[in-house]
Amino acid sequence: MDKNPEKESLRTRLLETRDNTSHDLLKIASGNIQKKLKKIYAFKDAQKVGAYYPIGSEIFTQDIIQELLSEDKEVFLPKVIGDHMEFRKITSFSSLERGSFDIMEPKEDCPMDNNLDVILVPTVGIDFTGVRLGYGHGFYDKFLAENKITTISLTLEKQIIKKIPKSEHDIPMDWILTEDKMIQTQR
């Protein structure tokens, strides 16, 4: 759990900004991001893709997930177990149930596999170096510290800011995708 007051203040401000985005605008932005994803070779060539089921004003991933499944790619979504997160394979949206934090997660009988080719990461805010601000629970950072996987942050253009205070445990993103931009970070 991240208790940095500067990050907390940023998180509150950025969530408020994102939450004020209309559903229609989010749908358009999500569609643009889905098109841009296909231009990233790490994503296009990936056989095992980690994704997330969106909550609130996060970039919608349902169409991305559906497209991956229809292309016979293996799709994995996160499941929170205690203080860590693991990825489990889904074969359709019926593989999901309401889980931790009221988020749709794979059911208990979905097979676990953390050895993924690429992972789509929900983002509250991010800077141009790829330092990401999440919800402060640290699940993605802990997971990525143990599993070296190409990361793609999905976010709105207005969520990119000049600088996010970097903590020791923060794992920078490899790519940032917005409705307007594709940024490969310099790490």
C-alpha atoms as a PDB file:
ATOM      1  CA  MET A   1       0.000   0.000   0.000  1.00  0.00           C
ATOM      2  CA  ASP A   2       1.441   3.341  -1.084  1.00  0.00           C
ATOM      3  CA  LYS A   3       1.158   6.010   1.600  1.00  0.00           C
ATOM      4  CA  ASN A   4       3.070   8.780  -0.229  1.00  0.00           C
ATOM      5  CA  PRO A   5       0.966  11.962   0.391  1.00  0.00           C
ATOM      6  CA  GLU A   6       2.092  13.510  -2.909  1.00  0.00           C
ATOM      7  CA  LYS A   7       0.957  10.396  -4.793  1.00  0.00           C
ATOM      8  CA  GLU A   8      -2.322  10.288  -2.857  1.00  0.00           C
ATOM      9  CA  SER A   9      -3.088  13.888  -3.808  1.00  0.00           C
ATOM     10  CA  LEU A  10      -2.181  13.234  -7.458  1.00  0.00           C
ATOM     11  CA  ARG A  11      -4.256  10.048  -7.486  1.00  0.00           C
ATOM     12  CA  THR A  12      -7.322  11.886  -6.153  1.00  0.00           C
ATOM     13  CA  ARG A  13      -6.952  14.704  -8.706  1.00  0.00           C
ATOM     14  CA  LEU A  14      -6.317  12.357 -11.662  1.00  0.00           C
ATOM     15  CA  LEU A  15      -9.203  10.037 -10.746  1.00  0.00           C
ATOM     16  CA  GLU A  16     -11.513  13.031 -10.500  1.00  0.00           C
ATOM     17  CA  THR A  17     -10.362  14.227 -13.945  1.00  0.00           C
ATOM     18  CA  ARG A  18     -10.802  10.757 -15.452  1.00  0.00           C
ATOM     19  CA  ASP A  19     -14.166  10.187 -13.744  1.00  0.00           C
ATOM     20  CA  ASN A  20     -15.466  13.396 -15.373  1.00  0.00           C
ATOM     21  CA  THR A  21     -14.953  11.873 -18.831  1.00  0.00           C
ATOM     22  CA  SER A  22     -18.225  11.046 -20.571  1.00  0.00           C
ATOM     23  CA  HIS A  23     -19.074   7.432 -21.368  1.00  0.00           C
ATOM     24  CA  ASP A  24     -19.195   8.293 -25.091  1.00  0.00           C
ATOM     25  CA  LEU A  25     -15.737   9.872 -25.031  1.00  0.00           C
ATOM     26  CA  LEU A  26     -14.350   6.858 -23.134  1.00  0.00           C
ATOM     27  CA  LYS A  27     -15.871   4.539 -25.739  1.00  0.00           C
ATOM     28  CA  ILE A  28     -14.270   6.513 -28.611  1.00  0.00           C
ATOM     29  CA  ALA A  29     -10.896   6.690 -26.807  1.00  0.00           C
ATOM     30  CA  SER A  30     -11.032   2.954 -26.072  1.00  0.00           C
ATOM     31  CA  GLY A  31     -11.727   2.208 -29.748  1.00  0.00           C
ATOM     32  CA  ASN A  32      -8.767   4.358 -30.835  1.00  0.00           C
ATOM     33  CA  ILE A  33      -6.517   2.595 -28.323  1.00  0.00           C
ATOM     34  CA  GLN A  34      -7.683  -0.809 -29.576  1.00  0.00           C
ATOM     35  CA  LYS A  35      -6.606   0.164 -33.134  1.00  0.00           C
ATOM     36  CA  LYS A  36      -3.211   1.432 -31.922  1.00  0.00           C
ATOM     37  CA  LEU A  37      -2.544  -1.806 -29.995  1.00  0.00           C
ATOM     38  CA  LYS A  38      -2.298  -3.678 -33.298  1.00  0.00           C
ATOM     39  CA  LYS A  39       0.681  -1.505 -34.299  1.00  0.00           C
ATOM     40  CA  ILE A  40       2.796  -2.722 -31.365  1.00  0.00           C
ATOM     41  CA  TYR A  41       4.646  -5.873 -32.431  1.00  0.00           C
ATOM     42  CA  ALA A  42       4.955  -7.141 -28.855  1.00  0.00           C
ATOM     43  CA  PHE A  43       1.149  -7.118 -28.675  1.00  0.00           C
ATOM     44  CA  LYS A  44       0.456  -8.276 -32.234  1.00  0.00           C
ATOM     45  CA  ASP A  45       2.879 -11.204 -31.942  1.00  0.00           C
ATOM     46  CA  ALA A  46       1.848 -12.148 -28.399  1.00  0.00           C
ATOM     47  CA  GLN A  47       0.171 -15.500 -27.900  1.00  0.00           C
ATOM     48  CA  LYS A  48      -0.500 -15.082 -24.160  1.00  0.00           C
ATOM     49  CA  VAL A  49      -1.967 -11.684 -23.296  1.00  0.00           C
ATOM     50  CA  GLY A  50      -2.724 -10.322 -19.843  1.00  0.00           C
ATOM     51  CA  ALA A  51      -5.637  -7.878 -19.809  1.00  0.00           C
ATOM     52  CA  TYR A  52      -8.023  -6.427 -17.236  1.00  0.00           C
ATOM     53  CA  TYR A  53     -11.781  -6.008 -16.945  1.00  0.00           C
ATOM     54  CA  PRO A  54     -12.431  -2.269 -16.586  1.00  0.00           C
ATOM     55  CA  ILE A  55     -14.030  -0.569 -13.608  1.00  0.00           C
ATOM     56  CA  GLY A  56     -15.379   2.964 -13.470  1.00  0.00           C
ATOM     57  CA  SER A  57     -13.703   5.279 -15.953  1.00  0.00           C
ATOM     58  CA  GLU A  58     -10.857   2.928 -16.968  1.00  0.00           C
ATOM     59  CA  ILE A  59     -10.229   2.352 -20.677  1.00  0.00           C
ATOM     60  CA  PHE A  60     -12.777  -0.218 -21.867  1.00  0.00           C
ATOM     61  CA  THR A  61     -11.088  -3.523 -22.676  1.00  0.00           C
ATOM     62  CA  GLN A  62     -14.090  -5.749 -23.382  1.00  0.00           C
ATOM     63  CA  ASP A  63     -13.758  -5.371 -27.183  1.00  0.00           C
ATOM     64  CA  ILE A  64      -9.990  -5.956 -26.992  1.00  0.00           C
ATOM     65  CA  ILE A  65     -10.553  -9.127 -24.949  1.00  0.00           C
ATOM     66  CA  GLN A  66     -13.280 -10.328 -27.318  1.00  0.00           C
ATOM     67  CA  GLU A  67     -11.062  -9.725 -30.353  1.00  0.00           C
ATOM     68  CA  LEU A  68      -8.142 -11.598 -28.756  1.00  0.00           C
ATOM     69  CA  LEU A  69     -10.396 -14.555 -27.948  1.00  0.00           C
ATOM     70  CA  SER A  70     -11.761 -14.615 -31.510  1.00  0.00           C
ATOM     71  CA  GLU A  71      -8.155 -14.653 -32.822  1.00  0.00           C
ATOM     72  CA  ASP A  72      -7.495 -17.751 -30.679  1.00  0.00           C
ATOM     73  CA  LYS A  73      -5.016 -15.909 -28.461  1.00  0.00           C
ATOM     74  CA  GLU A  74      -4.768 -16.984 -24.839  1.00  0.00           C
ATOM     75  CA  VAL A  75      -6.274 -14.296 -22.601  1.00  0.00           C
ATOM     76  CA  PHE A  76      -5.489 -13.943 -18.901  1.00  0.00           C
ATOM     77  CA  LEU A  77      -7.055 -11.614 -16.359  1.00  0.00           C
ATOM     78  CA  PRO A  78      -5.810 -10.784 -12.871  1.00  0.00           C
ATOM     79  CA  LYS A  79      -7.180 -12.423  -9.745  1.00  0.00           C
ATOM     80  CA  VAL A  80      -6.294 -10.965  -6.360  1.00  0.00           C
ATOM     81  CA  ILE A  81      -5.476 -13.560  -3.724  1.00  0.00           C
ATOM     82  CA  GLY A  82      -4.586 -12.091  -0.353  1.00  0.00           C
ATOM     83  CA  ASP A  83      -1.861  -9.504  -0.902  1.00  0.00           C
ATOM     84  CA  HIS A  84      -0.787 -10.672  -4.359  1.00  0.00           C
ATOM     85  CA  MET A  85      -2.187 -10.995  -7.831  1.00  0.00           C
ATOM     86  CA  GLU A  86      -1.961 -13.793 -10.368  1.00  0.00           C
ATOM     87  CA  PHE A  87      -3.238 -14.181 -13.905  1.00  0.00           C
ATOM     88  CA  ARG A  88      -5.768 -16.810 -14.912  1.00  0.00           C
ATOM     89  CA  LYS A  89      -6.865 -17.917 -18.355  1.00  0.00           C
ATOM     90  CA  ILE A  90     -10.374 -17.127 -19.519  1.00  0.00           C
ATOM     91  CA  THR A  91     -12.155 -18.568 -22.547  1.00  0.00           C
ATOM     92  CA  SER A  92     -15.127 -16.168 -22.513  1.00  0.00           C
ATOM     93  CA  PHE A  93     -16.721 -13.518 -20.324  1.00  0.00           C
ATOM     94  CA  SER A  94     -18.663 -16.314 -18.606  1.00  0.00           C
ATOM     95  CA  SER A  95     -15.304 -17.331 -17.045  1.00  0.00           C
ATOM     96  CA  LEU A  96     -15.566 -14.212 -14.861  1.00  0.00           C
ATOM     97  CA  GLU A  97     -17.195 -13.495 -11.504  1.00  0.00           C
ATOM     98  CA  ARG A  98     -17.240 -10.517  -9.133  1.00  0.00           C
ATOM     99  CA  GLY A  99     -14.112 -10.675  -6.975  1.00  0.00           C
ATOM    100  CA  SER A 100     -11.827  -8.462  -4.903  1.00  0.00           C
ATOM    101  CA  PHE A 101     -12.632  -4.736  -4.921  1.00  0.00           C
ATOM    102  CA  ASP A 102     -15.895  -5.639  -6.737  1.00  0.00           C
ATOM    103  CA  ILE A 103     -13.905  -6.225  -9.952  1.00  0.00           C
ATOM    104  CA  MET A 104     -14.727  -8.959 -12.451  1.00  0.00           C
ATOM    105  CA  GLU A 105     -12.070 -11.691 -12.038  1.00  0.00           C
ATOM    106  CA  PRO A 106     -11.518 -15.179 -13.428  1.00  0.00           C
ATOM    107  CA  LYS A 107     -13.343 -17.911 -11.523  1.00  0.00           C
ATOM    108  CA  GLU A 108     -11.453 -20.217  -9.164  1.00  0.00           C
ATOM    109  CA  ASP A 109     -11.295 -23.072 -11.694  1.00  0.00           C
ATOM    110  CA  CYS A 110      -9.566 -20.955 -14.393  1.00  0.00           C
ATOM    111  CA  PRO A 111      -5.962 -22.133 -14.888  1.00  0.00           C
ATOM    112  CA  MET A 112      -3.220 -19.866 -13.542  1.00  0.00           C
ATOM    113  CA  ASP A 113      -0.244 -18.833 -15.694  1.00  0.00           C
ATOM    114  CA  ASN A 114       1.936 -15.808 -14.951  1.00  0.00           C
ATOM    115  CA  ASN A 115       4.294 -16.471 -17.865  1.00  0.00           C
ATOM    116  CA  LEU A 116       2.684 -13.987 -20.285  1.00  0.00           C
ATOM    117  CA  ASP A 117       4.030 -12.302 -23.429  1.00  0.00           C
ATOM    118  CA  VAL A 118       2.454  -8.902 -22.834  1.00  0.00           C
ATOM    119  CA  ILE A 119       0.181  -7.289 -20.265  1.00  0.00           C
ATOM    120  CA  LEU A 120      -2.299  -4.410 -20.575  1.00  0.00           C
ATOM    121  CA  VAL A 121      -2.175  -2.323 -17.412  1.00  0.00           C
ATOM    122  CA  PRO A 122      -4.940  -0.045 -16.086  1.00  0.00           C
ATOM    123  CA  THR A 123      -3.596   3.397 -15.268  1.00  0.00           C
ATOM    124  CA  VAL A 124      -4.736   6.331 -13.129  1.00  0.00           C
ATOM    125  CA  GLY A 125      -1.838   8.542 -14.261  1.00  0.00           C
ATOM    126  CA  ILE A 126       1.538   8.183 -15.943  1.00  0.00           C
ATOM    127  CA  ASP A 127       4.525  10.290 -16.941  1.00  0.00           C
ATOM    128  CA  PHE A 128       6.511  10.117 -20.185  1.00  0.00           C
ATOM    129  CA  THR A 129       9.192   7.905 -18.606  1.00  0.00           C
ATOM    130  CA  GLY A 130       6.553   5.242 -17.917  1.00  0.00           C
ATOM    131  CA  VAL A 131       6.257   5.763 -14.156  1.00  0.00           C
ATOM    132  CA  ARG A 132       2.652   4.730 -13.526  1.00  0.00           C
ATOM    133  CA  LEU A 133       0.233   5.750 -10.822  1.00  0.00           C
ATOM    134  CA  GLY A 134      -2.293   3.045  -9.998  1.00  0.00           C
ATOM    135  CA  TYR A 135      -4.751   2.786  -7.147  1.00  0.00           C
ATOM    136  CA  GLY A 136      -2.017   2.481  -4.527  1.00  0.00           C
ATOM    137  CA  HIS A 137      -2.391  -1.206  -3.642  1.00  0.00           C
ATOM    138  CA  GLY A 138       0.818  -2.208  -5.449  1.00  0.00           C
ATOM    139  CA  PHE A 139      -0.579  -5.408  -7.013  1.00  0.00           C
ATOM    140  CA  TYR A 140       0.778  -4.714 -10.502  1.00  0.00           C
ATOM    141  CA  ASP A 141       4.182  -3.532  -9.243  1.00  0.00           C
ATOM    142  CA  LYS A 142       4.576  -6.644  -7.059  1.00  0.00           C
ATOM    143  CA  PHE A 143       3.503  -8.892  -9.922  1.00  0.00           C
ATOM    144  CA  LEU A 144       5.795  -7.199 -12.476  1.00  0.00           C
ATOM    145  CA  ALA A 145       8.767  -7.262 -10.090  1.00  0.00           C
ATOM    146  CA  GLU A 146       8.545 -11.083 -10.145  1.00  0.00           C
ATOM    147  CA  ASN A 147       7.472 -11.545 -13.784  1.00  0.00           C
ATOM    148  CA  LYS A 148       9.365  -9.818 -16.603  1.00  0.00           C
ATOM    149  CA  ILE A 149       6.651  -9.053 -19.151  1.00  0.00           C
ATOM    150  CA  THR A 150       6.232  -6.315 -21.777  1.00  0.00           C
ATOM    151  CA  THR A 151       3.810  -3.770 -20.318  1.00  0.00           C
ATOM    152  CA  ILE A 152       1.356  -1.507 -22.121  1.00  0.00           C
ATOM    153  CA  SER A 153      -0.356   1.211 -20.105  1.00  0.00           C
ATOM    154  CA  LEU A 154      -3.833   2.098 -21.392  1.00  0.00           C
ATOM    155  CA  THR A 155      -4.876   5.611 -20.427  1.00  0.00           C
ATOM    156  CA  LEU A 156      -6.421   8.854 -21.574  1.00  0.00           C
ATOM    157  CA  GLU A 157      -4.216  11.599 -22.980  1.00  0.00           C
ATOM    158  CA  LYS A 158      -5.204  13.901 -20.108  1.00  0.00           C
ATOM    159  CA  GLN A 159      -3.856  11.364 -17.576  1.00  0.00           C
ATOM    160  CA  ILE A 160      -0.264  11.848 -18.761  1.00  0.00           C
ATOM    161  CA  ILE A 161       1.475  14.347 -16.530  1.00  0.00           C
ATOM    162  CA  LYS A 162       4.976  15.803 -16.386  1.00  0.00           C
ATOM    163  CA  LYS A 163       6.253  13.795 -13.426  1.00  0.00           C
ATOM    164  CA  ILE A 164       4.946  11.101 -11.103  1.00  0.00           C
ATOM    165  CA  PRO A 165       6.986  10.682  -7.914  1.00  0.00           C
ATOM    166  CA  LYS A 166       8.752   7.327  -8.332  1.00  0.00           C
ATOM    167  CA  SER A 167       8.885   4.950  -5.388  1.00  0.00           C
ATOM    168  CA  GLU A 168      11.511   2.241  -5.073  1.00  0.00           C
ATOM    169  CA  HIS A 169       8.985  -0.515  -5.904  1.00  0.00           C
ATOM    170  CA  ASP A 170       7.445   1.200  -8.983  1.00  0.00           C
ATOM    171  CA  ILE A 171       7.900  -0.727 -12.235  1.00  0.00           C
ATOM    172  CA  PRO A 172       7.858   1.620 -15.261  1.00  0.00           C
ATOM    173  CA  MET A 173       5.683   0.739 -18.261  1.00  0.00           C
ATOM    174  CA  ASP A 174       7.231  -0.142 -21.641  1.00  0.00           C
ATOM    175  CA  TRP A 175       4.466   1.477 -23.689  1.00  0.00           C
ATOM    176  CA  ILE A 176       1.851   4.182 -23.108  1.00  0.00           C
ATOM    177  CA  LEU A 177      -1.223   4.145 -25.346  1.00  0.00           C
ATOM    178  CA  THR A 178      -3.767   6.942 -25.362  1.00  0.00           C
ATOM    179  CA  GLU A 179      -6.527   7.890 -27.770  1.00  0.00           C
ATOM    180  CA  ASP A 180      -3.975  10.082 -29.606  1.00  0.00           C
ATOM    181  CA  LYS A 181      -0.500   8.723 -28.914  1.00  0.00           C
ATOM    182  CA  MET A 182       1.695   5.608 -28.863  1.00  0.00           C
ATOM    183  CA  ILE A 183       4.753   6.178 -26.704  1.00  0.00           C
ATOM    184  CA  GLN A 184       7.559   3.678 -26.240  1.00  0.00           C
ATOM    185  CA  THR A 185       9.240   4.729 -23.007  1.00  0.00           C
ATOM    186  CA  GLN A 186      12.996   5.060 -22.725  1.00  0.00           C
ATOM    187  CA  ARG A 187      14.083   2.740 -19.913  1.00  0.00           C
END
